Structures are given as structure tokens and as C-alpha cells.
Amino acid sequence: MTLIFKIVPRLLWQEAVNAGVFAGAPVDLADGFIHFSTADQVRETAGKHFAAQSDLLLAAFDATSFGDRLKWEPSRGGALFPHLYDQLDPASVVWVKDLPLAADGGHVFPDLER
């Protein structure tokens, strides 16, 4: 299993769970796909796009479960990022964990392997 990660505000994720569908955050809707990061990319994503934001969750998904709806496309520095060209079922999540802030304003990441 290849895990990919989505950083999402807690309220937005809870709304998706209640609705049974996650269409994406505002940036995803604007870009036409749901942004994900790999384990090697997610810390930089948090620092760049979610700096000092609290009440976030980190959701892990099995990249292979999305089939050809998931495209690996160049982004920051030419690195390939996973982009989902579809909505997703929140029940397809492998796990969801809190992404708390540390005293220095950075995020404290859980073990990304489990």
C-alpha cells in the first residue's frame, strides 16, 4: 500500500463525513482536483500552505485505491504530487489523525507509516 496524505481542517472533514463525500477544500475546488502529498512532501506542504493553522487533521489514503483518477503531476521544484480528479468517499480513508501545533508554530506529525 502506498499512502498519500491530505491535510484538512477538522470542520471540513466532519462535514464530508456527514455528507458521505469529500469534494475538496477551496483550493482543490479552484484547481479542479484534490491535492495530496506523499510522506516525503507532507511536512513541507504543511509549512507552506497551513503555517500556524490549528484544528487540522491529517488523513491517509491508499493511492492505489483511486485507480486512474489519481494523476502524479509535477509541482514544487518538479516533484510529482498526487492529484485526484474526482470526489472521494471519506470512508475510504485508511486513518485520520490530529495534526496539532507545536509551541514553535510548526505541526507535530504522527507516524506516517500507520
C-alpha atoms as a PDB file:
ATOM      1  CA  MET A   1       0.000   0.000   0.000  1.00  0.00           C
ATOM      2  CA  THR A   2       1.287   3.462  -0.914  1.00  0.00           C
ATOM      3  CA  LEU A   3      -0.077   6.052   1.497  1.00  0.00           C
ATOM      4  CA  ILE A   4      -0.780   9.602   0.355  1.00  0.00           C
ATOM      5  CA  PHE A   5      -1.903  12.377   2.667  1.00  0.00           C
ATOM      6  CA  LYS A   6      -4.449  15.176   2.784  1.00  0.00           C
ATOM      7  CA  ILE A   7      -4.243  17.973   5.340  1.00  0.00           C
ATOM      8  CA  VAL A   8      -7.772  19.142   6.030  1.00  0.00           C
ATOM      9  CA  PRO A   9      -9.491  21.438   8.536  1.00  0.00           C
ATOM     10  CA  ARG A  10     -11.391  19.385  11.118  1.00  0.00           C
ATOM     11  CA  LEU A  11     -14.748  21.068  10.379  1.00  0.00           C
ATOM     12  CA  LEU A  12     -14.445  20.481   6.626  1.00  0.00           C
ATOM     13  CA  TRP A  13     -13.618  16.795   7.176  1.00  0.00           C
ATOM     14  CA  GLN A  14     -16.541  16.363   9.593  1.00  0.00           C
ATOM     15  CA  GLU A  15     -18.882  17.929   7.020  1.00  0.00           C
ATOM     16  CA  ALA A  16     -17.560  15.476   4.407  1.00  0.00           C
ATOM     17  CA  VAL A  17     -18.051  12.514   6.736  1.00  0.00           C
ATOM     18  CA  ASN A  18     -21.616  13.620   7.455  1.00  0.00           C
ATOM     19  CA  ALA A  19     -22.348  14.096   3.730  1.00  0.00           C
ATOM     20  CA  GLY A  20     -20.568  10.897   2.680  1.00  0.00           C
ATOM     21  CA  VAL A  21     -18.474  12.753   0.110  1.00  0.00           C
ATOM     22  CA  PHE A  22     -15.385  14.985   0.119  1.00  0.00           C
ATOM     23  CA  ALA A  23     -15.294  17.295  -2.879  1.00  0.00           C
ATOM     24  CA  GLY A  24     -12.188  19.097  -1.665  1.00  0.00           C
ATOM     25  CA  ALA A  25     -11.064  22.207   0.141  1.00  0.00           C
ATOM     26  CA  PRO A  26     -11.481  25.608  -1.560  1.00  0.00           C
ATOM     27  CA  VAL A  27      -8.039  25.331  -3.222  1.00  0.00           C
ATOM     28  CA  ASP A  28      -8.957  21.891  -4.565  1.00  0.00           C
ATOM     29  CA  LEU A  29     -12.241  23.141  -5.985  1.00  0.00           C
ATOM     30  CA  ALA A  30     -10.459  26.097  -7.610  1.00  0.00           C
ATOM     31  CA  ASP A  31      -7.786  23.848  -9.174  1.00  0.00           C
ATOM     32  CA  GLY A  32     -10.179  21.115 -10.301  1.00  0.00           C
ATOM     33  CA  PHE A  33      -8.564  18.272  -8.328  1.00  0.00           C
ATOM     34  CA  ILE A  34      -7.891  17.215  -4.735  1.00  0.00           C
ATOM     35  CA  HIS A  35      -4.307  17.904  -3.687  1.00  0.00           C
ATOM     36  CA  PHE A  36      -2.429  15.166  -1.848  1.00  0.00           C
ATOM     37  CA  SER A  37       1.165  14.827  -0.681  1.00  0.00           C
ATOM     38  CA  THR A  38       3.457  11.865  -0.204  1.00  0.00           C
ATOM     39  CA  ALA A  39       5.117  11.136   3.133  1.00  0.00           C
ATOM     40  CA  ASP A  40       8.231  12.935   1.881  1.00  0.00           C
ATOM     41  CA  GLN A  41       6.231  16.009   0.836  1.00  0.00           C
ATOM     42  CA  VAL A  42       3.577  16.471   3.520  1.00  0.00           C
ATOM     43  CA  ARG A  43       5.696  18.328   6.093  1.00  0.00           C
ATOM     44  CA  GLU A  44       6.702  20.935   3.517  1.00  0.00           C
ATOM     45  CA  THR A  45       3.067  21.179   2.384  1.00  0.00           C
ATOM     46  CA  ALA A  46       2.012  21.878   5.975  1.00  0.00           C
ATOM     47  CA  GLY A  47       4.643  24.578   6.388  1.00  0.00           C
ATOM     48  CA  LYS A  48       3.915  26.226   3.069  1.00  0.00           C
ATOM     49  CA  HIS A  49       0.103  26.107   2.960  1.00  0.00           C
ATOM     50  CA  PHE A  50      -1.020  25.592   6.568  1.00  0.00           C
ATOM     51  CA  ALA A  51       1.532  27.540   8.634  1.00  0.00           C
ATOM     52  CA  ALA A  52       0.331  28.216  12.191  1.00  0.00           C
ATOM     53  CA  GLN A  53      -3.161  26.834  11.410  1.00  0.00           C
ATOM     54  CA  SER A  54      -4.734  24.860  14.193  1.00  0.00           C
ATOM     55  CA  ASP A  55      -7.598  22.359  14.290  1.00  0.00           C
ATOM     56  CA  LEU A  56      -6.243  20.394  11.332  1.00  0.00           C
ATOM     57  CA  LEU A  57      -6.393  16.697  10.586  1.00  0.00           C
ATOM     58  CA  LEU A  58      -4.072  14.507   8.572  1.00  0.00           C
ATOM     59  CA  ALA A  59      -5.916  11.905   6.512  1.00  0.00           C
ATOM     60  CA  ALA A  60      -4.088   8.973   4.925  1.00  0.00           C
ATOM     61  CA  PHE A  61      -5.334   7.183   1.807  1.00  0.00           C
ATOM     62  CA  ASP A  62      -4.142   4.212  -0.223  1.00  0.00           C
ATOM     63  CA  ALA A  63      -3.029   5.737  -3.533  1.00  0.00           C
ATOM     64  CA  THR A  64      -3.803   2.529  -5.424  1.00  0.00           C
ATOM     65  CA  SER A  65      -7.464   2.675  -4.375  1.00  0.00           C
ATOM     66  CA  PHE A  66      -8.091   5.663  -6.654  1.00  0.00           C
ATOM     67  CA  GLY A  67      -7.058   3.915  -9.874  1.00  0.00           C
ATOM     68  CA  ASP A  68      -6.662   6.130 -12.917  1.00  0.00           C
ATOM     69  CA  ARG A  69      -8.468   9.019 -11.219  1.00  0.00           C
ATOM     70  CA  LEU A  70      -5.159   9.749  -9.433  1.00  0.00           C
ATOM     71  CA  LYS A  71      -2.530  11.532 -11.520  1.00  0.00           C
ATOM     72  CA  TRP A  72       1.081  12.136 -10.491  1.00  0.00           C
ATOM     73  CA  GLU A  73       1.897  15.631 -11.741  1.00  0.00           C
ATOM     74  CA  PRO A  74       4.875  17.970 -11.397  1.00  0.00           C
ATOM     75  CA  SER A  75       4.563  20.762  -8.871  1.00  0.00           C
ATOM     76  CA  ARG A  76       7.048  22.291  -6.380  1.00  0.00           C
ATOM     77  CA  GLY A  77      10.516  22.028  -7.845  1.00  0.00           C
ATOM     78  CA  GLY A  78       9.337  19.494 -10.417  1.00  0.00           C
ATOM     79  CA  ALA A  79       8.424  16.892  -7.768  1.00  0.00           C
ATOM     80  CA  LEU A  80       5.491  14.656  -8.682  1.00  0.00           C
ATOM     81  CA  PHE A  81       2.462  15.217  -6.467  1.00  0.00           C
ATOM     82  CA  PRO A  82      -0.653  13.030  -6.362  1.00  0.00           C
ATOM     83  CA  HIS A  83      -3.787  14.794  -7.616  1.00  0.00           C
ATOM     84  CA  LEU A  84      -7.229  13.173  -7.505  1.00  0.00           C
ATOM     85  CA  TYR A  85      -9.518  14.178 -10.340  1.00  0.00           C
ATOM     86  CA  ASP A  86     -12.712  13.203  -8.569  1.00  0.00           C
ATOM     87  CA  GLN A  87     -14.506  13.459  -5.263  1.00  0.00           C
ATOM     88  CA  LEU A  88     -13.770  10.835  -2.644  1.00  0.00           C
ATOM     89  CA  ASP A  89     -15.696   8.820  -0.128  1.00  0.00           C
ATOM     90  CA  PRO A  90     -14.464   9.742   3.368  1.00  0.00           C
ATOM     91  CA  ALA A  91     -14.995   6.093   4.366  1.00  0.00           C
ATOM     92  CA  SER A  92     -12.104   5.178   2.028  1.00  0.00           C
ATOM     93  CA  VAL A  93      -9.636   6.777   4.441  1.00  0.00           C
ATOM     94  CA  VAL A  94      -7.000   4.469   5.922  1.00  0.00           C
ATOM     95  CA  TRP A  95      -6.700   6.653   9.015  1.00  0.00           C
ATOM     96  CA  VAL A  96      -7.285  10.210  10.243  1.00  0.00           C
ATOM     97  CA  LYS A  97      -5.143  11.744  12.981  1.00  0.00           C
ATOM     98  CA  ASP A  98      -4.867  15.123  14.657  1.00  0.00           C
ATOM     99  CA  LEU A  99      -2.217  17.485  13.300  1.00  0.00           C
ATOM    100  CA  PRO A 100      -1.553  19.697  16.336  1.00  0.00           C
ATOM    101  CA  LEU A 101       0.634  22.765  16.526  1.00  0.00           C
ATOM    102  CA  ALA A 102       3.876  22.756  18.482  1.00  0.00           C
ATOM    103  CA  ALA A 103       4.977  25.688  20.621  1.00  0.00           C
ATOM    104  CA  ASP A 104       7.101  26.951  17.706  1.00  0.00           C
ATOM    105  CA  GLY A 105       4.050  27.115  15.403  1.00  0.00           C
ATOM    106  CA  GLY A 106       5.026  24.066  13.347  1.00  0.00           C
ATOM    107  CA  HIS A 107       2.868  20.975  13.134  1.00  0.00           C
ATOM    108  CA  VAL A 108       3.512  17.801  15.099  1.00  0.00           C
ATOM    109  CA  PHE A 109       3.193  14.863  12.724  1.00  0.00           C
ATOM    110  CA  PRO A 110       2.085  11.392  13.714  1.00  0.00           C
ATOM    111  CA  ASP A 111       3.829   8.257  12.490  1.00  0.00           C
ATOM    112  CA  LEU A 112       3.094   8.290   8.755  1.00  0.00           C
ATOM    113  CA  GLU A 113       3.567   4.554   8.364  1.00  0.00           C
ATOM    114  CA  ARG A 114       0.478   3.511  10.327  1.00  0.00           C
END
